[in-house]
Amino acid sequence: MVRRLSLPYPSLEIIPTPAIVEWEWLSKQIGSRLASGISVCLVAEHGHDLRGGYFFHIRRVENGFEFLDFDGRLSLSLSTSAECVAFINHATGRAFDDDMWARCRLLNLRVDDVS
């Protein structure tokens, strides 16, 4: 059965990104929408107009940042902006991070209900 994806935070922002994402740069791009949440697709700075990217649904909360899945369920909570960009850089293959590898391993082992 085909299922349409919905966004936890419509509408989707497609953002061309540098090789390594730094907080100062990311904050300039999405900072004004973090409090209410934002769905973004981070794509390489250069390439085909229809190139793929990496989806993140992010919201700033009192104690840091929450990353949601497409169903709006909490996937990951991070405390600092440094952790936020470390996760994004690790998840997108830009920069390996030992701590984020361990966290991503737990996310990858999670079993979703498919019924």
PDB file of N, CA and C in Angstrom:
ATOM      1  N   MET A   1       0.839  -1.171   0.000  1.00  0.00           N
ATOM      2  CA  MET A   1       0.000   0.000   0.000  1.00  0.00           C
ATOM      3  C   MET A   1       0.893   1.247   0.000  1.00  0.00           C
ATOM      4  N   VAL A   2       0.569   2.167  -0.872  1.00  0.00           N
ATOM      5  CA  VAL A   2       1.305   3.414  -0.961  1.00  0.00           C
ATOM      6  C   VAL A   2       0.831   4.339   0.153  1.00  0.00           C
ATOM      7  N   ARG A   3       1.793   4.971   0.807  1.00  0.00           N
ATOM      8  CA  ARG A   3       1.469   5.889   1.892  1.00  0.00           C
ATOM      9  C   ARG A   3       2.155   7.221   1.623  1.00  0.00           C
ATOM     10  N   ARG A   4       1.421   8.278   1.682  1.00  0.00           N
ATOM     11  CA  ARG A   4       2.002   9.615   1.498  1.00  0.00           C
ATOM     12  C   ARG A   4       2.717  10.020   2.776  1.00  0.00           C
ATOM     13  N   LEU A   5       3.884  10.590   2.604  1.00  0.00           N
ATOM     14  CA  LEU A   5       4.613  11.104   3.752  1.00  0.00           C
ATOM     15  C   LEU A   5       4.054  12.473   4.130  1.00  0.00           C
ATOM     16  N   SER A   6       3.925  12.671   5.399  1.00  0.00           N
ATOM     17  CA  SER A   6       3.537  13.994   5.868  1.00  0.00           C
ATOM     18  C   SER A   6       4.716  14.557   6.656  1.00  0.00           C
ATOM     19  N   LEU A   7       4.745  15.840   6.769  1.00  0.00           N
ATOM     20  CA  LEU A   7       5.834  16.498   7.472  1.00  0.00           C
ATOM     21  C   LEU A   7       5.375  16.923   8.853  1.00  0.00           C
ATOM     22  N   PRO A   8       6.181  16.660   9.872  1.00  0.00           N
ATOM     23  CA  PRO A   8       5.824  17.143  11.201  1.00  0.00           C
ATOM     24  C   PRO A   8       5.714  18.664  11.255  1.00  0.00           C
ATOM     25  N   TYR A   9       6.540  19.342  10.426  1.00  0.00           N
ATOM     26  CA  TYR A   9       6.560  20.806  10.419  1.00  0.00           C
ATOM     27  C   TYR A   9       6.503  21.321   8.970  1.00  0.00           C
ATOM     28  N   PRO A  10       5.305  21.354   8.379  1.00  0.00           N
ATOM     29  CA  PRO A  10       5.221  21.857   6.996  1.00  0.00           C
ATOM     30  C   PRO A  10       5.583  23.346   6.968  1.00  0.00           C
ATOM     31  N   SER A  11       6.070  23.867   5.927  1.00  0.00           N
ATOM     32  CA  SER A  11       6.429  23.230   4.680  1.00  0.00           C
ATOM     33  C   SER A  11       7.920  22.903   4.663  1.00  0.00           C
ATOM     34  N   LEU A  12       8.313  22.045   3.746  1.00  0.00           N
ATOM     35  CA  LEU A  12       9.696  21.594   3.670  1.00  0.00           C
ATOM     36  C   LEU A  12      10.604  22.699   3.143  1.00  0.00           C
ATOM     37  N   GLU A  13      11.729  22.898   3.819  1.00  0.00           N
ATOM     38  CA  GLU A  13      12.768  23.824   3.364  1.00  0.00           C
ATOM     39  C   GLU A  13      13.912  22.996   2.787  1.00  0.00           C
ATOM     40  N   ILE A  14      14.263  23.234   1.527  1.00  0.00           N
ATOM     41  CA  ILE A  14      15.395  22.556   0.897  1.00  0.00           C
ATOM     42  C   ILE A  14      16.570  23.531   0.968  1.00  0.00           C
ATOM     43  N   ILE A  15      17.643  23.094   1.639  1.00  0.00           N
ATOM     44  CA  ILE A  15      18.758  23.992   1.922  1.00  0.00           C
ATOM     45  C   ILE A  15      20.070  23.411   1.395  1.00  0.00           C
ATOM     46  N   PRO A  16      20.677  24.066   0.386  1.00  0.00           N
ATOM     47  CA  PRO A  16      22.012  23.659  -0.041  1.00  0.00           C
ATOM     48  C   PRO A  16      23.000  23.915   1.096  1.00  0.00           C
ATOM     49  N   THR A  17      23.843  22.919   1.381  1.00  0.00           N
ATOM     50  CA  THR A  17      24.715  23.002   2.547  1.00  0.00           C
ATOM     51  C   THR A  17      26.186  22.881   2.172  1.00  0.00           C
ATOM     52  N   PRO A  18      27.043  23.494   2.990  1.00  0.00           N
ATOM     53  CA  PRO A  18      28.493  23.353   2.777  1.00  0.00           C
ATOM     54  C   PRO A  18      28.956  21.950   3.157  1.00  0.00           C
ATOM     55  N   ALA A  19      30.226  21.686   2.917  1.00  0.00           N
ATOM     56  CA  ALA A  19      30.794  20.361   3.197  1.00  0.00           C
ATOM     57  C   ALA A  19      30.617  19.970   4.656  1.00  0.00           C
ATOM     58  N   ILE A  20      30.876  20.871   5.573  1.00  0.00           N
ATOM     59  CA  ILE A  20      30.664  20.632   6.999  1.00  0.00           C
ATOM     60  C   ILE A  20      29.675  21.671   7.497  1.00  0.00           C
ATOM     61  N   VAL A  21      28.636  21.226   8.190  1.00  0.00           N
ATOM     62  CA  VAL A  21      27.629  22.139   8.723  1.00  0.00           C
ATOM     63  C   VAL A  21      28.097  22.631  10.090  1.00  0.00           C
ATOM     64  N   GLU A  22      28.155  23.944  10.239  1.00  0.00           N
ATOM     65  CA  GLU A  22      28.520  24.555  11.512  1.00  0.00           C
ATOM     66  C   GLU A  22      27.295  25.260  12.080  1.00  0.00           C
ATOM     67  N   TRP A  23      27.238  25.359  13.416  1.00  0.00           N
ATOM     68  CA  TRP A  23      26.043  25.901  14.058  1.00  0.00           C
ATOM     69  C   TRP A  23      25.748  27.336  13.631  1.00  0.00           C
ATOM     70  N   GLU A  24      26.754  28.167  13.539  1.00  0.00           N
ATOM     71  CA  GLU A  24      26.527  29.566  13.166  1.00  0.00           C
ATOM     72  C   GLU A  24      25.831  29.647  11.810  1.00  0.00           C
ATOM     73  N   TRP A  25      26.302  28.860  10.860  1.00  0.00           N
ATOM     74  CA  TRP A  25      25.696  28.842   9.525  1.00  0.00           C
ATOM     75  C   TRP A  25      24.265  28.291   9.589  1.00  0.00           C
ATOM     76  N   LEU A  26      24.090  27.153  10.267  1.00  0.00           N
ATOM     77  CA  LEU A  26      22.772  26.523  10.342  1.00  0.00           C
ATOM     78  C   LEU A  26      21.768  27.436  11.047  1.00  0.00           C
ATOM     79  N   SER A  27      22.192  28.076  12.101  1.00  0.00           N
ATOM     80  CA  SER A  27      21.314  28.975  12.839  1.00  0.00           C
ATOM     81  C   SER A  27      20.828  30.128  11.967  1.00  0.00           C
ATOM     82  N   LYS A  28      21.676  30.629  11.099  1.00  0.00           N
ATOM     83  CA  LYS A  28      21.272  31.695  10.168  1.00  0.00           C
ATOM     84  C   LYS A  28      20.215  31.194   9.192  1.00  0.00           C
ATOM     85  N   GLN A  29      20.300  29.913   8.830  1.00  0.00           N
ATOM     86  CA  GLN A  29      19.370  29.348   7.858  1.00  0.00           C
ATOM     87  C   GLN A  29      18.001  29.043   8.468  1.00  0.00           C
ATOM     88  N   ILE A  30      17.994  28.481   9.686  1.00  0.00           N
ATOM     89  CA  ILE A  30      16.729  27.969  10.241  1.00  0.00           C
ATOM     90  C   ILE A  30      16.403  28.476  11.642  1.00  0.00           C
ATOM     91  N   GLY A  31      17.286  29.275  12.220  1.00  0.00           N
ATOM     92  CA  GLY A  31      17.133  29.685  13.614  1.00  0.00           C
ATOM     93  C   GLY A  31      15.801  30.306  13.965  1.00  0.00           C
ATOM     94  N   SER A  32      15.239  31.108  13.064  1.00  0.00           N
ATOM     95  CA  SER A  32      13.974  31.778  13.368  1.00  0.00           C
ATOM     96  C   SER A  32      12.798  30.818  13.443  1.00  0.00           C
ATOM     97  N   ARG A  33      12.941  29.613  12.898  1.00  0.00           N
ATOM     98  CA  ARG A  33      11.832  28.648  12.894  1.00  0.00           C
ATOM     99  C   ARG A  33      12.028  27.494  13.862  1.00  0.00           C
ATOM    100  N   LEU A  34      13.152  27.459  14.580  1.00  0.00           N
ATOM    101  CA  LEU A  34      13.429  26.329  15.462  1.00  0.00           C
ATOM    102  C   LEU A  34      12.447  26.207  16.622  1.00  0.00           C
ATOM    103  N   ALA A  35      11.967  27.315  17.144  1.00  0.00           N
ATOM    104  CA  ALA A  35      11.064  27.252  18.299  1.00  0.00           C
ATOM    105  C   ALA A  35       9.755  26.558  17.954  1.00  0.00           C
ATOM    106  N   SER A  36       9.260  26.768  16.743  1.00  0.00           N
ATOM    107  CA  SER A  36       8.010  26.120  16.337  1.00  0.00           C
ATOM    108  C   SER A  36       8.254  24.819  15.588  1.00  0.00           C
ATOM    109  N   GLY A  37       9.511  24.554  15.235  1.00  0.00           N
ATOM    110  CA  GLY A  37       9.871  23.339  14.518  1.00  0.00           C
ATOM    111  C   GLY A  37      10.002  23.599  13.030  1.00  0.00           C
ATOM    112  N   ILE A  38      10.893  22.849  12.401  1.00  0.00           N
ATOM    113  CA  ILE A  38      11.125  22.996  10.963  1.00  0.00           C
ATOM    114  C   ILE A  38      11.487  21.640  10.364  1.00  0.00           C
ATOM    115  N   SER A  39      10.961  21.369   9.186  1.00  0.00           N
ATOM    116  CA  SER A  39      11.347  20.195   8.400  1.00  0.00           C
ATOM    117  C   SER A  39      12.272  20.686   7.297  1.00  0.00           C
ATOM    118  N   VAL A  40      13.470  20.103   7.233  1.00  0.00           N
ATOM    119  CA  VAL A  40      14.446  20.524   6.235  1.00  0.00           C
ATOM    120  C   VAL A  40      14.977  19.320   5.474  1.00  0.00           C
ATOM    121  N   CYS A  41      15.384  19.585   4.254  1.00  0.00           N
ATOM    122  CA  CYS A  41      16.127  18.615   3.455  1.00  0.00           C
ATOM    123  C   CYS A  41      17.452  19.293   3.132  1.00  0.00           C
ATOM    124  N   LEU A  42      18.536  18.758   3.668  1.00  0.00           N
ATOM    125  CA  LEU A  42      19.862  19.315   3.428  1.00  0.00           C
ATOM    126  C   LEU A  42      20.461  18.627   2.219  1.00  0.00           C
ATOM    127  N   VAL A  43      20.791  19.415   1.204  1.00  0.00           N
ATOM    128  CA  VAL A  43      21.361  18.889  -0.036  1.00  0.00           C
ATOM    129  C   VAL A  43      22.753  19.472  -0.230  1.00  0.00           C
ATOM    130  N   ALA A  44      23.563  18.817  -1.062  1.00  0.00           N
ATOM    131  CA  ALA A  44      24.899  19.329  -1.377  1.00  0.00           C
ATOM    132  C   ALA A  44      24.771  20.686  -2.056  1.00  0.00           C
ATOM    133  N   GLU A  45      25.756  21.545  -1.810  1.00  0.00           N
ATOM    134  CA  GLU A  45      25.732  22.897  -2.391  1.00  0.00           C
ATOM    135  C   GLU A  45      25.662  22.869  -3.913  1.00  0.00           C
ATOM    136  N   HIS A  46      26.358  21.930  -4.524  1.00  0.00           N
ATOM    137  CA  HIS A  46      26.431  21.883  -5.981  1.00  0.00           C
ATOM    138  C   HIS A  46      25.949  20.528  -6.466  1.00  0.00           C
ATOM    139  N   GLY A  47      25.292  20.545  -7.596  1.00  0.00           N
ATOM    140  CA  GLY A  47      24.824  19.295  -8.181  1.00  0.00           C
ATOM    141  C   GLY A  47      23.557  19.513  -8.987  1.00  0.00           C
ATOM    142  N   HIS A  48      22.979  18.424  -9.412  1.00  0.00           N
ATOM    143  CA  HIS A  48      21.760  18.441 -10.202  1.00  0.00           C
ATOM    144  C   HIS A  48      20.637  19.106  -9.413  1.00  0.00           C
ATOM    145  N   ASP A  49      19.747  19.802 -10.096  1.00  0.00           N
ATOM    146  CA  ASP A  49      18.630  20.486  -9.434  1.00  0.00           C
ATOM    147  C   ASP A  49      17.725  19.527  -8.660  1.00  0.00           C
ATOM    148  N   LEU A  50      17.662  18.283  -9.102  1.00  0.00           N
ATOM    149  CA  LEU A  50      16.795  17.302  -8.450  1.00  0.00           C
ATOM    150  C   LEU A  50      17.587  16.327  -7.581  1.00  0.00           C
ATOM    151  N   ARG A  51      18.748  16.770  -7.082  1.00  0.00           N
ATOM    152  CA  ARG A  51      19.583  15.892  -6.252  1.00  0.00           C
ATOM    153  C   ARG A  51      18.875  15.575  -4.936  1.00  0.00           C
ATOM    154  N   GLY A  52      19.189  14.428  -4.396  1.00  0.00           N
ATOM    155  CA  GLY A  52      18.614  14.017  -3.123  1.00  0.00           C
ATOM    156  C   GLY A  52      19.301  14.689  -1.954  1.00  0.00           C
ATOM    157  N   GLY A  53      18.769  14.452  -0.771  1.00  0.00           N
ATOM    158  CA  GLY A  53      19.345  15.055   0.417  1.00  0.00           C
ATOM    159  C   GLY A  53      18.954  14.281   1.662  1.00  0.00           C
ATOM    160  N   TYR A  54      19.165  14.898   2.787  1.00  0.00           N
ATOM    161  CA  TYR A  54      18.900  14.292   4.089  1.00  0.00           C
ATOM    162  C   TYR A  54      17.829  15.102   4.809  1.00  0.00           C
ATOM    163  N   PHE A  55      16.798  14.407   5.279  1.00  0.00           N
ATOM    164  CA  PHE A  55      15.672  15.051   5.946  1.00  0.00           C
ATOM    165  C   PHE A  55      15.887  15.102   7.454  1.00  0.00           C
ATOM    166  N   PHE A  56      15.573  16.238   8.029  1.00  0.00           N
ATOM    167  CA  PHE A  56      15.592  16.419   9.479  1.00  0.00           C
ATOM    168  C   PHE A  56      14.359  17.226   9.881  1.00  0.00           C
ATOM    169  N   HIS A  57      13.741  16.813  10.958  1.00  0.00           N
ATOM    170  CA  HIS A  57      12.600  17.530  11.535  1.00  0.00           C
ATOM    171  C   HIS A  57      13.048  17.932  12.939  1.00  0.00           C
ATOM    172  N   ILE A  58      13.322  19.215  13.113  1.00  0.00           N
ATOM    173  CA  ILE A  58      14.020  19.704  14.311  1.00  0.00           C
ATOM    174  C   ILE A  58      13.173  20.760  15.018  1.00  0.00           C
ATOM    175  N   ARG A  59      13.210  20.704  16.337  1.00  0.00           N
ATOM    176  CA  ARG A  59      12.552  21.732  17.143  1.00  0.00           C
ATOM    177  C   ARG A  59      13.421  22.037  18.357  1.00  0.00           C
ATOM    178  N   ARG A  60      13.540  23.345  18.651  1.00  0.00           N
ATOM    179  CA  ARG A  60      14.246  23.749  19.867  1.00  0.00           C
ATOM    180  C   ARG A  60      13.267  23.628  21.028  1.00  0.00           C
ATOM    181  N   VAL A  61      13.714  22.994  22.092  1.00  0.00           N
ATOM    182  CA  VAL A  61      12.912  22.849  23.310  1.00  0.00           C
ATOM    183  C   VAL A  61      13.713  23.425  24.477  1.00  0.00           C
ATOM    184  N   GLU A  62      13.101  23.462  25.631  1.00  0.00           N
ATOM    185  CA  GLU A  62      13.724  24.076  26.795  1.00  0.00           C
ATOM    186  C   GLU A  62      15.116  23.521  27.095  1.00  0.00           C
ATOM    187  N   ASN A  63      15.278  22.217  26.942  1.00  0.00           N
ATOM    188  CA  ASN A  63      16.559  21.597  27.302  1.00  0.00           C
ATOM    189  C   ASN A  63      17.400  21.193  26.096  1.00  0.00           C
ATOM    190  N   GLY A  64      17.159  21.793  24.918  1.00  0.00           N
ATOM    191  CA  GLY A  64      17.992  21.485  23.763  1.00  0.00           C
ATOM    192  C   GLY A  64      17.216  21.403  22.466  1.00  0.00           C
ATOM    193  N   PHE A  65      17.349  20.260  21.788  1.00  0.00           N
ATOM    194  CA  PHE A  65      16.749  20.070  20.472  1.00  0.00           C
ATOM    195  C   PHE A  65      16.122  18.687  20.388  1.00  0.00           C
ATOM    196  N   GLU A  66      14.997  18.621  19.698  1.00  0.00           N
ATOM    197  CA  GLU A  66      14.343  17.334  19.432  1.00  0.00           C
ATOM    198  C   GLU A  66      14.335  17.087  17.936  1.00  0.00           C
ATOM    199  N   PHE A  67      14.674  15.858  17.567  1.00  0.00           N
ATOM    200  CA  PHE A  67      14.597  15.414  16.182  1.00  0.00           C
ATOM    201  C   PHE A  67      13.460  14.408  16.098  1.00  0.00           C
ATOM    202  N   LEU A  68      12.537  14.636  15.181  1.00  0.00           N
ATOM    203  CA  LEU A  68      11.378  13.761  15.020  1.00  0.00           C
ATOM    204  C   LEU A  68      11.507  12.942  13.747  1.00  0.00           C
ATOM    205  N   ASP A  69      10.739  11.843  13.688  1.00  0.00           N
ATOM    206  CA  ASP A  69      10.658  11.084  12.444  1.00  0.00           C
ATOM    207  C   ASP A  69       9.496  11.649  11.616  1.00  0.00           C
ATOM    208  N   PHE A  70       9.226  11.051  10.451  1.00  0.00           N
ATOM    209  CA  PHE A  70       8.161  11.560   9.585  1.00  0.00           C
ATOM    210  C   PHE A  70       6.784  11.430  10.217  1.00  0.00           C
ATOM    211  N   ASP A  71       6.622  10.525  11.175  1.00  0.00           N
ATOM    212  CA  ASP A  71       5.337  10.360  11.854  1.00  0.00           C
ATOM    213  C   ASP A  71       5.189  11.291  13.056  1.00  0.00           C
ATOM    214  N   GLY A  72       6.182  12.143  13.273  1.00  0.00           N
ATOM    215  CA  GLY A  72       6.123  13.096  14.378  1.00  0.00           C
ATOM    216  C   GLY A  72       6.531  12.519  15.718  1.00  0.00           C
ATOM    217  N   ARG A  73       7.097  11.307  15.707  1.00  0.00           N
ATOM    218  CA  ARG A  73       7.560  10.689  16.958  1.00  0.00           C
ATOM    219  C   ARG A  73       8.985  11.143  17.260  1.00  0.00           C
ATOM    220  N   LEU A  74       9.247  11.324  18.531  1.00  0.00           N
ATOM    221  CA  LEU A  74      10.588  11.723  18.962  1.00  0.00           C
ATOM    222  C   LEU A  74      11.593  10.617  18.638  1.00  0.00           C
ATOM    223  N   SER A  75      12.639  10.980  17.917  1.00  0.00           N
ATOM    224  CA  SER A  75      13.708  10.037  17.600  1.00  0.00           C
ATOM    225  C   SER A  75      14.945  10.272  18.446  1.00  0.00           C
ATOM    226  N   LEU A  76      15.257  11.546  18.710  1.00  0.00           N
ATOM    227  CA  LEU A  76      16.501  11.873  19.375  1.00  0.00           C
ATOM    228  C   LEU A  76      16.377  13.218  20.067  1.00  0.00           C
ATOM    229  N   SER A  77      16.889  13.294  21.279  1.00  0.00           N
ATOM    230  CA  SER A  77      16.985  14.567  22.007  1.00  0.00           C
ATOM    231  C   SER A  77      18.458  14.882  22.207  1.00  0.00           C
ATOM    232  N   LEU A  78      18.822  16.113  21.916  1.00  0.00           N
ATOM    233  CA  LEU A  78      20.201  16.563  22.097  1.00  0.00           C
ATOM    234  C   LEU A  78      20.194  17.833  22.929  1.00  0.00           C
ATOM    235  N   SER A  79      21.219  18.006  23.739  1.00  0.00           N
ATOM    236  CA  SER A  79      21.247  19.117  24.695  1.00  0.00           C
ATOM    237  C   SER A  79      21.827  20.409  24.143  1.00  0.00           C
ATOM    238  N   THR A  80      22.769  20.311  23.206  1.00  0.00           N
ATOM    239  CA  THR A  80      23.493  21.506  22.781  1.00  0.00           C
ATOM    240  C   THR A  80      23.490  21.674  21.264  1.00  0.00           C
ATOM    241  N   SER A  81      23.793  22.892  20.838  1.00  0.00           N
ATOM    242  CA  SER A  81      23.918  23.152  19.400  1.00  0.00           C
ATOM    243  C   SER A  81      25.108  22.374  18.817  1.00  0.00           C
ATOM    244  N   ALA A  82      26.164  22.184  19.603  1.00  0.00           N
ATOM    245  CA  ALA A  82      27.315  21.403  19.142  1.00  0.00           C
ATOM    246  C   ALA A  82      26.909  19.959  18.858  1.00  0.00           C
ATOM    247  N   GLU A  83      26.092  19.378  19.739  1.00  0.00           N
ATOM    248  CA  GLU A  83      25.593  18.019  19.501  1.00  0.00           C
ATOM    249  C   GLU A  83      24.694  17.984  18.271  1.00  0.00           C
ATOM    250  N   CYS A  84      23.908  19.024  18.095  1.00  0.00           N
ATOM    251  CA  CYS A  84      22.998  19.105  16.955  1.00  0.00           C
ATOM    252  C   CYS A  84      23.766  19.023  15.631  1.00  0.00           C
ATOM    253  N   VAL A  85      24.795  19.845  15.478  1.00  0.00           N
ATOM    254  CA  VAL A  85      25.557  19.809  14.222  1.00  0.00           C
ATOM    255  C   VAL A  85      26.426  18.558  14.126  1.00  0.00           C
ATOM    256  N   ALA A  86      26.876  18.029  15.248  1.00  0.00           N
ATOM    257  CA  ALA A  86      27.631  16.769  15.207  1.00  0.00           C
ATOM    258  C   ALA A  86      26.737  15.651  14.676  1.00  0.00           C
ATOM    259  N   PHE A  87      25.480  15.610  15.117  1.00  0.00           N
ATOM    260  CA  PHE A  87      24.533  14.604  14.633  1.00  0.00           C
ATOM    261  C   PHE A  87      24.271  14.791  13.138  1.00  0.00           C
ATOM    262  N   ILE A  88      23.989  16.017  12.735  1.00  0.00           N
ATOM    263  CA  ILE A  88      23.702  16.280  11.318  1.00  0.00           C
ATOM    264  C   ILE A  88      24.903  15.909  10.456  1.00  0.00           C
ATOM    265  N   ASN A  89      26.100  16.322  10.858  1.00  0.00           N
ATOM    266  CA  ASN A  89      27.292  15.994  10.064  1.00  0.00           C
ATOM    267  C   ASN A  89      27.555  14.495  10.027  1.00  0.00           C
ATOM    268  N   HIS A  90      27.312  13.805  11.136  1.00  0.00           N
ATOM    269  CA  HIS A  90      27.512  12.359  11.170  1.00  0.00           C
ATOM    270  C   HIS A  90      26.455  11.648  10.310  1.00  0.00           C
ATOM    271  N   ALA A  91      25.195  11.999  10.504  1.00  0.00           N
ATOM    272  CA  ALA A  91      24.103  11.323   9.797  1.00  0.00           C
ATOM    273  C   ALA A  91      24.169  11.530   8.284  1.00  0.00           C
ATOM    274  N   THR A  92      24.722  12.651   7.859  1.00  0.00           N
ATOM    275  CA  THR A  92      24.822  12.931   6.430  1.00  0.00           C
ATOM    276  C   THR A  92      26.142  12.475   5.824  1.00  0.00           C
ATOM    277  N   GLY A  93      27.006  11.865   6.639  1.00  0.00           N
ATOM    278  CA  GLY A  93      28.275  11.362   6.136  1.00  0.00           C
ATOM    279  C   GLY A  93      29.345  12.421   5.964  1.00  0.00           C
ATOM    280  N   ARG A  94      29.134  13.597   6.512  1.00  0.00           N
ATOM    281  CA  ARG A  94      30.116  14.670   6.375  1.00  0.00           C
ATOM    282  C   ARG A  94      31.293  14.522   7.342  1.00  0.00           C
ATOM    283  N   ALA A  95      31.015  14.049   8.560  1.00  0.00           N
ATOM    284  CA  ALA A  95      32.076  13.925   9.563  1.00  0.00           C
ATOM    285  C   ALA A  95      31.691  12.857  10.575  1.00  0.00           C
ATOM    286  N   PHE A  96      32.540  11.851  10.725  1.00  0.00           N
ATOM    287  CA  PHE A  96      32.283  10.788  11.693  1.00  0.00           C
ATOM    288  C   PHE A  96      32.411  11.332  13.113  1.00  0.00           C
ATOM    289  N   ASP A  97      31.523  10.867  14.004  1.00  0.00           N
ATOM    290  CA  ASP A  97      31.553  11.265  15.412  1.00  0.00           C
ATOM    291  C   ASP A  97      31.240  10.023  16.240  1.00  0.00           C
ATOM    292  N   ASP A  98      32.143   9.662  17.153  1.00  0.00           N
ATOM    293  CA  ASP A  98      31.963   8.447  17.958  1.00  0.00           C
ATOM    294  C   ASP A  98      30.660   8.447  18.753  1.00  0.00           C
ATOM    295  N   ASP A  99      30.369   9.552  19.432  1.00  0.00           N
ATOM    296  CA  ASP A  99      29.148   9.637  20.240  1.00  0.00           C
ATOM    297  C   ASP A  99      27.897   9.532  19.367  1.00  0.00           C
ATOM    298  N   MET A 100      27.902  10.222  18.236  1.00  0.00           N
ATOM    299  CA  MET A 100      26.738  10.172  17.346  1.00  0.00           C
ATOM    300  C   MET A 100      26.608   8.804  16.686  1.00  0.00           C
ATOM    301  N   TRP A 101      27.735   8.127  16.447  1.00  0.00           N
ATOM    302  CA  TRP A 101      27.672   6.767  15.917  1.00  0.00           C
ATOM    303  C   TRP A 101      26.905   5.876  16.893  1.00  0.00           C
ATOM    304  N   ALA A 102      27.221   5.989  18.178  1.00  0.00           N
ATOM    305  CA  ALA A 102      26.539   5.173  19.191  1.00  0.00           C
ATOM    306  C   ALA A 102      25.047   5.511  19.244  1.00  0.00           C
ATOM    307  N   ARG A 103      24.720   6.783  19.158  1.00  0.00           N
ATOM    308  CA  ARG A 103      23.303   7.178  19.204  1.00  0.00           C
ATOM    309  C   ARG A 103      22.566   6.711  17.952  1.00  0.00           C
ATOM    310  N   CYS A 104      23.202   6.860  16.798  1.00  0.00           N
ATOM    311  CA  CYS A 104      22.582   6.417  15.544  1.00  0.00           C
ATOM    312  C   CYS A 104      22.408   4.902  15.521  1.00  0.00           C
ATOM    313  N   ARG A 105      23.331   4.192  16.107  1.00  0.00           N
ATOM    314  CA  ARG A 105      23.222   2.729  16.181  1.00  0.00           C
ATOM    315  C   ARG A 105      21.949   2.338  16.914  1.00  0.00           C
ATOM    316  N   LEU A 106      21.661   3.017  18.008  1.00  0.00           N
ATOM    317  CA  LEU A 106      20.426   2.743  18.752  1.00  0.00           C
ATOM    318  C   LEU A 106      19.193   3.101  17.926  1.00  0.00           C
ATOM    319  N   LEU A 107      19.249   4.204  17.188  1.00  0.00           N
ATOM    320  CA  LEU A 107      18.122   4.578  16.322  1.00  0.00           C
ATOM    321  C   LEU A 107      17.900   3.535  15.235  1.00  0.00           C
ATOM    322  N   ASN A 108      18.990   3.058  14.652  1.00  0.00           N
ATOM    323  CA  ASN A 108      18.885   2.081  13.567  1.00  0.00           C
ATOM    324  C   ASN A 108      18.352   0.739  14.049  1.00  0.00           C
ATOM    325  N   LEU A 109      18.543   0.417  15.312  1.00  0.00           N
ATOM    326  CA  LEU A 109      18.074  -0.853  15.850  1.00  0.00           C
ATOM    327  C   LEU A 109      16.605  -0.806  16.289  1.00  0.00           C
ATOM    328  N   ARG A 110      16.050   0.408  16.326  1.00  0.00           N
ATOM    329  CA  ARG A 110      14.659   0.557  16.749  1.00  0.00           C
ATOM    330  C   ARG A 110      13.738  -0.129  15.733  1.00  0.00           C
ATOM    331  N   VAL A 111      12.725  -0.780  16.230  1.00  0.00           N
ATOM    332  CA  VAL A 111      11.769  -1.464  15.364  1.00  0.00           C
ATOM    333  C   VAL A 111      10.493  -0.643  15.314  1.00  0.00           C
ATOM    334  N   ASP A 112      10.079  -0.280  14.105  1.00  0.00           N
ATOM    335  CA  ASP A 112       8.854   0.483  13.917  1.00  0.00           C
ATOM    336  C   ASP A 112       7.681  -0.483  13.739  1.00  0.00           C
ATOM    337  N   ASP A 113       6.554  -0.104  14.259  1.00  0.00           N
ATOM    338  CA  ASP A 113       5.331  -0.868  14.058  1.00  0.00           C
ATOM    339  C   ASP A 113       4.870  -0.636  12.622  1.00  0.00           C
ATOM    340  N   VAL A 114       4.736  -1.698  11.839  1.00  0.00           N
ATOM    341  CA  VAL A 114       4.346  -1.575  10.446  1.00  0.00           C
ATOM    342  C   VAL A 114       2.900  -2.027  10.203  1.00  0.00           C
ATOM    343  N   SER A 115       2.167  -2.262  11.260  1.00  0.00           N
ATOM    344  CA  SER A 115       0.785  -2.718  11.060  1.00  0.00           C
ATOM    345  C   SER A 115      -0.147  -1.573  10.775  1.00  0.00           C
TER     346      SER A 115
END
